[in-house]
Structure formats: structure tokens, C-alpha cells
C-alpha atoms as a PDB file:
ATOM      1  CA  MET A   1     127.233 115.077 115.573  1.00  0.00           C
ATOM      2  CA  VAL A   2     123.621 115.715 114.589  1.00  0.00           C
ATOM      3  CA  ARG A   3     124.436 115.220 110.897  1.00  0.00           C
ATOM      4  CA  GLY A   4     126.190 111.942 111.627  1.00  0.00           C
ATOM      5  CA  ILE A   5     123.211 110.641 113.587  1.00  0.00           C
ATOM      6  CA  SER A   6     120.883 111.685 110.778  1.00  0.00           C
ATOM      7  CA  ILE A   7     123.019 109.917 108.167  1.00  0.00           C
ATOM      8  CA  ALA A   8     123.215 106.765 110.302  1.00  0.00           C
ATOM      9  CA  TYR A   9     119.463 106.767 110.805  1.00  0.00           C
ATOM     10  CA  GLY A  10     118.879 107.302 107.082  1.00  0.00           C
ATOM     11  CA  LEU A  11     121.124 104.358 106.213  1.00  0.00           C
ATOM     12  CA  TYR A  12     119.442 102.193 108.830  1.00  0.00           C
ATOM     13  CA  LEU A  13     116.064 103.065 107.336  1.00  0.00           C
ATOM     14  CA  LEU A  14     116.949 102.868 103.643  1.00  0.00           C
ATOM     15  CA  LEU A  15     119.430  99.995 103.500  1.00  0.00           C
ATOM     16  CA  PRO A  16     116.842  97.187 103.900  1.00  0.00           C
ATOM     17  CA  MET A  17     114.696  98.799 101.201  1.00  0.00           C
ATOM     18  CA  LEU A  18     117.661  99.119  98.835  1.00  0.00           C
ATOM     19  CA  LEU A  19     118.578  95.470  99.416  1.00  0.00           C
ATOM     20  CA  LEU A  20     115.015  94.454  98.565  1.00  0.00           C
ATOM     21  CA  VAL A  21     115.226  96.396  95.299  1.00  0.00           C
ATOM     22  CA  VAL A  22     118.571  94.808  94.462  1.00  0.00           C
ATOM     23  CA  GLY A  23     117.253  91.352  95.358  1.00  0.00           C
ATOM     24  CA  SER A  24     114.219  91.792  93.135  1.00  0.00           C
ATOM     25  CA  PHE A  25     116.540  92.047  90.098  1.00  0.00           C
ATOM     26  CA  GLY A  26     118.785  89.130  91.056  1.00  0.00           C
ATOM     27  CA  GLN A  27     118.458  85.591  89.720  1.00  0.00           C
ATOM     28  CA  ASN A  28     119.799  83.889  92.828  1.00  0.00           C
ATOM     29  CA  TRP A  29     120.395  85.104  96.369  1.00  0.00           C
ATOM     30  CA  THR A  30     121.482  82.390  98.785  1.00  0.00           C
ATOM     31  CA  ASN A  31     124.348  82.587 101.299  1.00  0.00           C
ATOM     32  CA  SER A  32     125.772  85.747  99.713  1.00  0.00           C
ATOM     33  CA  VAL A  33     125.807  89.464 100.487  1.00  0.00           C
ATOM     34  CA  LEU A  34     124.299  90.387  97.109  1.00  0.00           C
ATOM     35  CA  PRO A  35     122.325  88.397  94.535  1.00  0.00           C
ATOM     36  CA  SER A  36     123.886  87.094  91.342  1.00  0.00           C
ATOM     37  CA  GLY A  37     122.744  87.562  87.747  1.00  0.00           C
ATOM     38  CA  PRO A  38     120.518  90.538  86.767  1.00  0.00           C
ATOM     39  CA  THR A  39     116.987  89.690  85.675  1.00  0.00           C
ATOM     40  CA  THR A  40     113.482  91.118  85.478  1.00  0.00           C
ATOM     41  CA  GLN A  41     111.864  87.698  85.495  1.00  0.00           C
ATOM     42  CA  TRP A  42     110.511  88.059  89.019  1.00  0.00           C
ATOM     43  CA  TYR A  43     108.393  91.075  88.070  1.00  0.00           C
ATOM     44  CA  GLN A  44     107.043  89.200  85.070  1.00  0.00           C
ATOM     45  CA  ASP A  45     106.192  86.229  87.293  1.00  0.00           C
ATOM     46  CA  LEU A  46     104.516  88.589  89.744  1.00  0.00           C
ATOM     47  CA  TRP A  47     102.407  90.124  86.983  1.00  0.00           C
ATOM     48  CA  ASN A  48     101.396  86.676  85.745  1.00  0.00           C
ATOM     49  CA  ASP A  49     100.449  85.424  89.217  1.00  0.00           C
ATOM     50  CA  ALA A  50      96.650  85.603  89.500  1.00  0.00           C
ATOM     51  CA  SER A  51      96.677  85.415  93.302  1.00  0.00           C
ATOM     52  CA  PHE A  52      98.810  88.560  93.560  1.00  0.00           C
ATOM     53  CA  ARG A  53      96.687  90.457  91.048  1.00  0.00           C
ATOM     54  CA  ARG A  54      93.571  89.489  92.978  1.00  0.00           C
ATOM     55  CA  ALA A  55      95.182  90.458  96.288  1.00  0.00           C
ATOM     56  CA  PHE A  56      96.274  93.810  94.845  1.00  0.00           C
ATOM     57  CA  VAL A  57      92.710  94.600  93.769  1.00  0.00           C
ATOM     58  CA  SER A  58      91.381  93.432  97.146  1.00  0.00           C
ATOM     59  CA  SER A  59      93.772  95.743  99.017  1.00  0.00           C
ATOM     60  CA  LEU A  60      92.821  98.718  96.862  1.00  0.00           C
ATOM     61  CA  THR A  61      89.113  97.960  97.342  1.00  0.00           C
ATOM     62  CA  VAL A  62      89.466  97.791 101.124  1.00  0.00           C
ATOM     63  CA  ALA A  63      91.658 100.916 101.265  1.00  0.00           C
ATOM     64  CA  LEU A  64      89.369 103.025  99.063  1.00  0.00           C
ATOM     65  CA  SER A  65      86.298 101.869 100.984  1.00  0.00           C
ATOM     66  CA  ALA A  66      87.994 102.772 104.268  1.00  0.00           C
ATOM     67  CA  CYS A  67      88.818 106.230 102.873  1.00  0.00           C
ATOM     68  CA  VAL A  68      85.219 106.859 101.805  1.00  0.00           C
ATOM     69  CA  ILE A  69      83.783 105.813 105.178  1.00  0.00           C
ATOM     70  CA  ASN A  70      86.462 107.703 107.100  1.00  0.00           C
ATOM     71  CA  SER A  71      85.761 110.868 105.140  1.00  0.00           C
ATOM     72  CA  VAL A  72      82.133 110.696 106.264  1.00  0.00           C
ATOM     73  CA  LEU A  73      82.880 109.911 109.917  1.00  0.00           C
ATOM     74  CA  ALA A  74      86.095 111.736 110.790  1.00  0.00           C
ATOM     75  CA  LEU A  75      85.149 115.380 110.180  1.00  0.00           C
ATOM     76  CA  PRO A  76      81.961 115.493 112.306  1.00  0.00           C
ATOM     77  CA  LEU A  77      83.713 113.376 114.963  1.00  0.00           C
ATOM     78  CA  ALA A  78      86.712 115.706 115.134  1.00  0.00           C
ATOM     79  CA  TYR A  79      84.434 118.746 115.142  1.00  0.00           C
ATOM     80  CA  SER A  80      82.389 117.366 118.041  1.00  0.00           C
ATOM     81  CA  LEU A  81      85.485 116.384 120.016  1.00  0.00           C
ATOM     82  CA  HIS A  82      87.037 119.813 119.459  1.00  0.00           C
ATOM     83  CA  HIS A  83      84.003 121.672 120.782  1.00  0.00           C
ATOM     84  CA  GLY A  84      83.628 119.166 123.611  1.00  0.00           C
ATOM     85  CA  ALA A  85      87.234 119.775 124.658  1.00  0.00           C
ATOM     86  CA  ARG A  86      86.652 123.539 124.662  1.00  0.00           C
ATOM     87  CA  GLN A  87      83.704 122.985 126.986  1.00  0.00           C
ATOM     88  CA  GLY A  88      85.879 121.128 129.486  1.00  0.00           C
ATOM     89  CA  LYS A  89      85.141 117.636 128.170  1.00  0.00           C
ATOM     90  CA  ALA A  90      88.576 116.810 126.796  1.00  0.00           C
ATOM     91  CA  MET A  91      88.660 113.186 127.961  1.00  0.00           C
ATOM     92  CA  ALA A  92      87.001 111.879 124.788  1.00  0.00           C
ATOM     93  CA  ALA A  93      89.546 113.667 122.594  1.00  0.00           C
ATOM     94  CA  ARG A  94      92.416 112.232 124.644  1.00  0.00           C
ATOM     95  CA  ILE A  95      90.969 108.725 124.347  1.00  0.00           C
ATOM     96  CA  VAL A  96      90.728 109.036 120.557  1.00  0.00           C
ATOM     97  CA  SER A  97      94.308 110.367 120.401  1.00  0.00           C
ATOM     98  CA  ALA A  98      95.610 107.405 122.434  1.00  0.00           C
ATOM     99  CA  MET A  99      93.649 104.683 120.640  1.00  0.00           C
ATOM    100  CA  PRO A 100      96.252 103.795 117.948  1.00  0.00           C
ATOM    101  CA  VAL A 101      98.815 103.104 120.684  1.00  0.00           C
ATOM    102  CA  ALA A 102      96.568 101.822 123.461  1.00  0.00           C
ATOM    103  CA  VAL A 103      94.580  99.408 121.273  1.00  0.00           C
ATOM    104  CA  PRO A 104      96.896  97.390 118.981  1.00  0.00           C
ATOM    105  CA  ALA A 105      95.391  96.121 115.744  1.00  0.00           C
ATOM    106  CA  ILE A 106      95.843  92.495 116.791  1.00  0.00           C
ATOM    107  CA  THR A 107      93.681  93.105 119.887  1.00  0.00           C
ATOM    108  CA  LEU A 108      90.918  94.463 117.680  1.00  0.00           C
ATOM    109  CA  ALA A 109      91.290  91.453 115.368  1.00  0.00           C
ATOM    110  CA  PHE A 110      90.868  88.953 118.200  1.00  0.00           C
ATOM    111  CA  GLY A 111      87.744  90.775 119.352  1.00  0.00           C
ATOM    112  CA  TYR A 112      86.299  90.624 115.844  1.00  0.00           C
ATOM    113  CA  MET A 113      87.106  86.909 115.630  1.00  0.00           C
ATOM    114  CA  ILE A 114      85.151  86.196 118.794  1.00  0.00           C
ATOM    115  CA  VAL A 115      82.121  88.328 117.921  1.00  0.00           C
ATOM    116  CA  PHE A 116      81.769  87.618 114.205  1.00  0.00           C
ATOM    117  CA  ASN A 117      82.489  83.896 114.146  1.00  0.00           C
ATOM    118  CA  THR A 118      79.140  82.835 115.567  1.00  0.00           C
ATOM    119  CA  ASP A 119      75.881  81.464 114.181  1.00  0.00           C
ATOM    120  CA  THR A 120      74.239  84.846 114.798  1.00  0.00           C
ATOM    121  CA  LEU A 121      76.977  86.896 113.105  1.00  0.00           C
ATOM    122  CA  PRO A 122      78.830  84.568 110.690  1.00  0.00           C
ATOM    123  CA  TRP A 123      80.790  87.346 108.973  1.00  0.00           C
ATOM    124  CA  LEU A 124      84.367  86.290 109.670  1.00  0.00           C
ATOM    125  CA  GLY A 125      86.327  86.195 106.411  1.00  0.00           C
ATOM    126  CA  SER A 126      84.016  88.587 104.560  1.00  0.00           C
ATOM    127  CA  THR A 127      85.197  91.743 102.831  1.00  0.00           C
ATOM    128  CA  PRO A 128      82.637  94.045 104.545  1.00  0.00           C
ATOM    129  CA  LEU A 129      83.935  92.939 107.961  1.00  0.00           C
ATOM    130  CA  LEU A 130      87.522  93.571 106.857  1.00  0.00           C
ATOM    131  CA  ILE A 131      86.569  97.043 105.598  1.00  0.00           C
ATOM    132  CA  ALA A 132      84.859  97.811 108.919  1.00  0.00           C
ATOM    133  CA  ALA A 133      87.957  96.679 110.818  1.00  0.00           C
ATOM    134  CA  HIS A 134      90.229  98.868 108.682  1.00  0.00           C
ATOM    135  CA  VAL A 135      87.923 101.844 109.257  1.00  0.00           C
ATOM    136  CA  ILE A 136      88.066 101.367 113.031  1.00  0.00           C
ATOM    137  CA  ALA A 137      91.853 100.956 112.932  1.00  0.00           C
ATOM    138  CA  THR A 138      92.533 104.034 110.773  1.00  0.00           C
ATOM    139  CA  LEU A 139      89.802 106.437 111.907  1.00  0.00           C
ATOM    140  CA  PRO A 140      91.763 107.731 114.954  1.00  0.00           C
ATOM    141  CA  TYR A 141      94.696 108.771 112.739  1.00  0.00           C
ATOM    142  CA  LEU A 142      92.514 110.898 110.468  1.00  0.00           C
ATOM    143  CA  THR A 143      90.536 112.270 113.401  1.00  0.00           C
ATOM    144  CA  ASN A 144      93.747 113.284 115.190  1.00  0.00           C
ATOM    145  CA  ALA A 145      94.989 115.095 112.082  1.00  0.00           C
ATOM    146  CA  LEU A 146      91.745 117.059 111.848  1.00  0.00           C
ATOM    147  CA  LEU A 147      91.723 117.798 115.587  1.00  0.00           C
ATOM    148  CA  THR A 148      95.238 119.231 115.363  1.00  0.00           C
ATOM    149  CA  ASP A 149      94.203 121.547 112.536  1.00  0.00           C
ATOM    150  CA  LEU A 150      91.077 122.649 114.365  1.00  0.00           C
ATOM    151  CA  ARG A 151      93.184 123.641 117.385  1.00  0.00           C
ATOM    152  CA  HIS A 152      95.716 125.576 115.301  1.00  0.00           C
ATOM    153  CA  LEU A 153      93.243 127.357 113.033  1.00  0.00           C
ATOM    154  CA  GLY A 154      91.206 128.880 115.852  1.00  0.00           C
ATOM    155  CA  ILE A 155      88.084 128.025 113.901  1.00  0.00           C
ATOM    156  CA  GLU A 156      85.769 129.058 116.747  1.00  0.00           C
ATOM    157  CA  ARG A 157      86.511 132.756 116.127  1.00  0.00           C
ATOM    158  CA  LEU A 158      85.362 132.476 112.538  1.00  0.00           C
ATOM    159  CA  GLU A 159      82.264 130.603 113.656  1.00  0.00           C
ATOM    160  CA  GLN A 160      81.415 133.292 116.189  1.00  0.00           C
ATOM    161  CA  ALA A 161      81.760 135.975 113.536  1.00  0.00           C
ATOM    162  CA  ALA A 162      79.514 134.016 111.186  1.00  0.00           C
ATOM    163  CA  ALA A 163      76.972 133.453 113.958  1.00  0.00           C
ATOM    164  CA  THR A 164      76.715 137.195 114.597  1.00  0.00           C
ATOM    165  CA  LEU A 165      75.803 137.569 110.911  1.00  0.00           C
ATOM    166  CA  GLY A 166      72.987 135.068 111.275  1.00  0.00           C
ATOM    167  CA  ALA A 167      74.627 131.864 110.005  1.00  0.00           C
ATOM    168  CA  GLY A 168      73.198 128.689 111.481  1.00  0.00           C
ATOM    169  CA  GLU A 169      75.191 125.747 112.790  1.00  0.00           C
ATOM    170  CA  TRP A 170      74.955 123.785 109.525  1.00  0.00           C
ATOM    171  CA  GLN A 171      75.942 126.863 107.489  1.00  0.00           C
ATOM    172  CA  ARG A 172      78.976 127.433 109.709  1.00  0.00           C
ATOM    173  CA  PHE A 173      80.007 123.785 109.435  1.00  0.00           C
ATOM    174  CA  THR A 174      79.716 123.596 105.637  1.00  0.00           C
ATOM    175  CA  GLY A 175      80.863 127.144 104.881  1.00  0.00           C
ATOM    176  CA  ILE A 176      83.755 127.520 107.327  1.00  0.00           C
ATOM    177  CA  VAL A 177      84.866 124.234 108.891  1.00  0.00           C
ATOM    178  CA  MET A 178      84.805 122.000 105.815  1.00  0.00           C
ATOM    179  CA  PRO A 179      86.731 124.384 103.489  1.00  0.00           C
ATOM    180  CA  ALA A 180      89.289 125.134 106.219  1.00  0.00           C
ATOM    181  CA  LEU A 181      90.054 121.435 106.729  1.00  0.00           C
ATOM    182  CA  ARG A 182      90.085 120.440 103.059  1.00  0.00           C
ATOM    183  CA  GLN A 183      93.870 120.052 102.756  1.00  0.00           C
ATOM    184  CA  SER A 184      94.282 118.185 106.044  1.00  0.00           C
ATOM    185  CA  MET A 185      91.387 115.913 105.102  1.00  0.00           C
ATOM    186  CA  LEU A 186      92.968 115.035 101.751  1.00  0.00           C
ATOM    187  CA  SER A 187      96.422 114.396 103.201  1.00  0.00           C
ATOM    188  CA  GLY A 188      94.875 112.429 106.069  1.00  0.00           C
ATOM    189  CA  LEU A 189      92.940 110.226 103.651  1.00  0.00           C
ATOM    190  CA  VAL A 190      96.143 109.472 101.765  1.00  0.00           C
ATOM    191  CA  MET A 191      97.639 108.393 105.089  1.00  0.00           C
ATOM    192  CA  VAL A 192      94.593 106.204 105.759  1.00  0.00           C
ATOM    193  CA  ALA A 193      95.013 104.561 102.350  1.00  0.00           C
ATOM    194  CA  ALA A 194      98.706 103.895 103.008  1.00  0.00           C
ATOM    195  CA  LEU A 195      97.981 102.403 106.440  1.00  0.00           C
ATOM    196  CA  SER A 196      95.203 100.236 105.052  1.00  0.00           C
ATOM    197  CA  ILE A 197      97.225  98.921 102.103  1.00  0.00           C
ATOM    198  CA  GLY A 198     100.150  97.966 104.343  1.00  0.00           C
ATOM    199  CA  GLU A 199      98.081  96.593 107.241  1.00  0.00           C
ATOM    200  CA  PHE A 200      98.819  92.916 107.996  1.00  0.00           C
ATOM    201  CA  ASN A 201      97.657  91.851 111.480  1.00  0.00           C
ATOM    202  CA  LEU A 202      93.956  92.605 111.026  1.00  0.00           C
ATOM    203  CA  SER A 203      93.868  91.305 107.489  1.00  0.00           C
ATOM    204  CA  ASN A 204      95.710  88.082 108.244  1.00  0.00           C
ATOM    205  CA  LEU A 205      93.287  87.123 111.016  1.00  0.00           C
ATOM    206  CA  LEU A 206      90.030  88.336 109.489  1.00  0.00           C
ATOM    207  CA  VAL A 207      90.290  87.879 105.730  1.00  0.00           C
ATOM    208  CA  GLY A 208      88.947  84.909 103.785  1.00  0.00           C
ATOM    209  CA  PHE A 209      90.994  82.900 101.294  1.00  0.00           C
ATOM    210  CA  GLN A 210      89.311  84.367  98.211  1.00  0.00           C
ATOM    211  CA  ASN A 211      89.698  88.000  99.269  1.00  0.00           C
ATOM    212  CA  ARG A 212      93.179  87.991 100.814  1.00  0.00           C
ATOM    213  CA  THR A 213      94.906  91.363 100.795  1.00  0.00           C
ATOM    214  CA  TYR A 214      98.345  92.041  99.343  1.00  0.00           C
ATOM    215  CA  PRO A 215     100.355  91.882 102.614  1.00  0.00           C
ATOM    216  CA  VAL A 216      98.781  88.505 103.482  1.00  0.00           C
ATOM    217  CA  VAL A 217      99.738  86.998 100.113  1.00  0.00           C
ATOM    218  CA  LEU A 218     103.139  88.705 100.354  1.00  0.00           C
ATOM    219  CA  LEU A 219     104.028  86.746 103.495  1.00  0.00           C
ATOM    220  CA  GLN A 220     103.480  83.491 101.650  1.00  0.00           C
ATOM    221  CA  ALA A 221     105.870  84.612  98.892  1.00  0.00           C
ATOM    222  CA  PHE A 222     108.810  84.444 101.304  1.00  0.00           C
ATOM    223  CA  TYR A 223     108.377  80.682 101.546  1.00  0.00           C
ATOM    224  CA  GLY A 224     109.272  80.477  97.842  1.00  0.00           C
ATOM    225  CA  ALA A 225     111.894  82.176  95.668  1.00  0.00           C
ATOM    226  CA  THR A 226     113.718  85.076  97.330  1.00  0.00           C
ATOM    227  CA  GLY A 227     113.718  87.242  94.202  1.00  0.00           C
ATOM    228  CA  PHE A 228     109.981  86.828  93.745  1.00  0.00           C
ATOM    229  CA  ALA A 229     109.371  87.820  97.384  1.00  0.00           C
ATOM    230  CA  CYS A 230     111.632  90.872  96.987  1.00  0.00           C
ATOM    231  CA  ALA A 231     109.788  91.973  93.837  1.00  0.00           C
ATOM    232  CA  ALA A 232     106.413  91.627  95.569  1.00  0.00           C
ATOM    233  CA  THR A 233     107.701  93.659  98.529  1.00  0.00           C
ATOM    234  CA  VAL A 234     109.062  96.395  96.248  1.00  0.00           C
ATOM    235  CA  ILE A 235     105.581  96.861  94.777  1.00  0.00           C
ATOM    236  CA  LEU A 236     104.193  97.382  98.281  1.00  0.00           C
ATOM    237  CA  LEU A 237     106.995  99.840  99.084  1.00  0.00           C
ATOM    238  CA  LEU A 238     106.249 101.788  95.915  1.00  0.00           C
ATOM    239  CA  LEU A 239     102.592 102.100  96.879  1.00  0.00           C
ATOM    240  CA  ALA A 240     103.479 103.304 100.380  1.00  0.00           C
ATOM    241  CA  SER A 241     106.083 105.756  99.010  1.00  0.00           C
ATOM    242  CA  LEU A 242     103.650 107.206  96.485  1.00  0.00           C
ATOM    243  CA  ALA A 243     101.056 107.674  99.228  1.00  0.00           C
ATOM    244  CA  ALA A 244     103.618 109.380 101.485  1.00  0.00           C
ATOM    245  CA  LEU A 245     104.789 111.705  98.691  1.00  0.00           C
ATOM    246  CA  LEU A 246     101.216 112.613  97.806  1.00  0.00           C
ATOM    247  CA  SER A 247     100.402 113.331 101.442  1.00  0.00           C
ATOM    248  CA  SER A 248     103.502 115.534 101.814  1.00  0.00           C
ATOM    249  CA  SER A 249     102.658 117.393  98.608  1.00  0.00           C
ATOM    250  CA  LEU A 250      99.155 118.125  99.818  1.00  0.00           C
ATOM    251  CA  LEU A 251     100.467 119.372 103.149  1.00  0.00           C
ATOM    252  CA  ARG A 252     102.920 121.723 101.427  1.00  0.00           C
ATOM    253  CA  LYS A 253     100.096 123.193  99.357  1.00  0.00           C
ATOM    254  CA  ALA A 254      97.981 123.843 102.428  1.00  0.00           C
ATOM    255  CA  PRO A 255      97.403 127.560 103.000  1.00  0.00           C
END
């Protein structure tokens, strides 16, 4: 029973992806179960399309920038929330944990549109604003991953032992906390990159025409040739799959 449910779920999850791969190598796919005529022309057209190359670079720029900023913010934030929770102030940690569900990305996008589309703050459509929005949207995921590790590692015992030997707060943070969370930080940043690259709602509402991200340009591809749209989607799936595999590999190597 359990195996049957697992197989059914796996087919439900993988079948659309497999159809996209098949469609990306088909010449024509209209009113039929499968496309006709094998071809690699769509991938060549995708490579030659300047708008997709530019969007690909834009997505990588935004994702890498979000990772860099998150790496600076998430660790001290998680550390503060962890110690605050141990002191009976767990509400802040619960709020951060619920943010990805309680605050949808489209709600954040509408707020940004109202605030940053004024004469005082005319930043709507700029890449820095899009990077800031991606940081806000992905920061809770990385923070939650670090908070979970902090709870399981029992890091406070090591800190107490170091404090009895004369280590200051900064020495304990850099010598104990940061090395202990290295693997979860790396895997969490890979997750942040994957979320940022695949994010559509924020990007579609906030991005300018010249710096559109890959998912935004991808939507427009579906108004054209089906094979071209499938090929463009397969590239996005490959990026997400590589990020997921890298994250899993880092987690398996964690001590």
C-alpha cells in the first residue's frame, strides 16, 4: 500500500517534467499525446536568443547577490533568535518560522510596488530593489535551517564550556557557532539560490524590462512555439535539480 502510494506520487511529480523534456526535442506538438519529429533546434534557438541569455545572467546575479546578503544576515539572526527563545522570548522565532507561509511573495511584491513607485523612492524596476525583495523572501528559509541546527546541536553547552575557559562572546561565536553551522549554512544557501532562480511572483511585478529574470521571460515563451517553451523550462528544471542535488550532498557530508 505504502509502496503503491509512493510510486503514484513519484509518477505524478515526474510525469510533467518528463513530458517537458520530450516536448523540448519534438518538432511539433499540437493536439497529440506526444510531439512528432526529433530535433535539437529549440535548444539552438534558445542559445541564440539574446533575451534569454540576458535573463539567465540576471537571474544568476540576483540569486548570487541574495546568497551573499543572506549569509551575512542569517547566522547572527538565527543565533539571536535561538538565545532569545531559550530566555523565554520564543515569539520572534515562531514569527520568523511562519513568515514563508503567512506572508506570500505576492503580498510582499504589492507592498514594494506601493512604497517604491513614488517620487521619493523611484526604485521600482531596478535590480537592487529586486535583490532586496529576494533577500526578504528567502531569508526566513535559511534562518529556519540554522535555527533547527542550533536546537539539535545543543550549542549552548559548548559555549558555556568555552566561557569557563575565558572565551568572550565574539570568540565563542566565531570559534564554536560558525564552524558548527558551516554545513547547514552551505546547504541552506544552495536552497536560497534555487528559490531565487525559480521565483516568479516577486520578479514579475518588480523587475524592469531590461533586467527581467529567467522565469519572467519563460512565461512569454509559452505564447510562441511549444518546443521552444519546453526547452526553456527544461533549462530551469536542470538548474533547480542541480541546486537540490548539491544541497542534499552537502547535508549528507555534514558531521
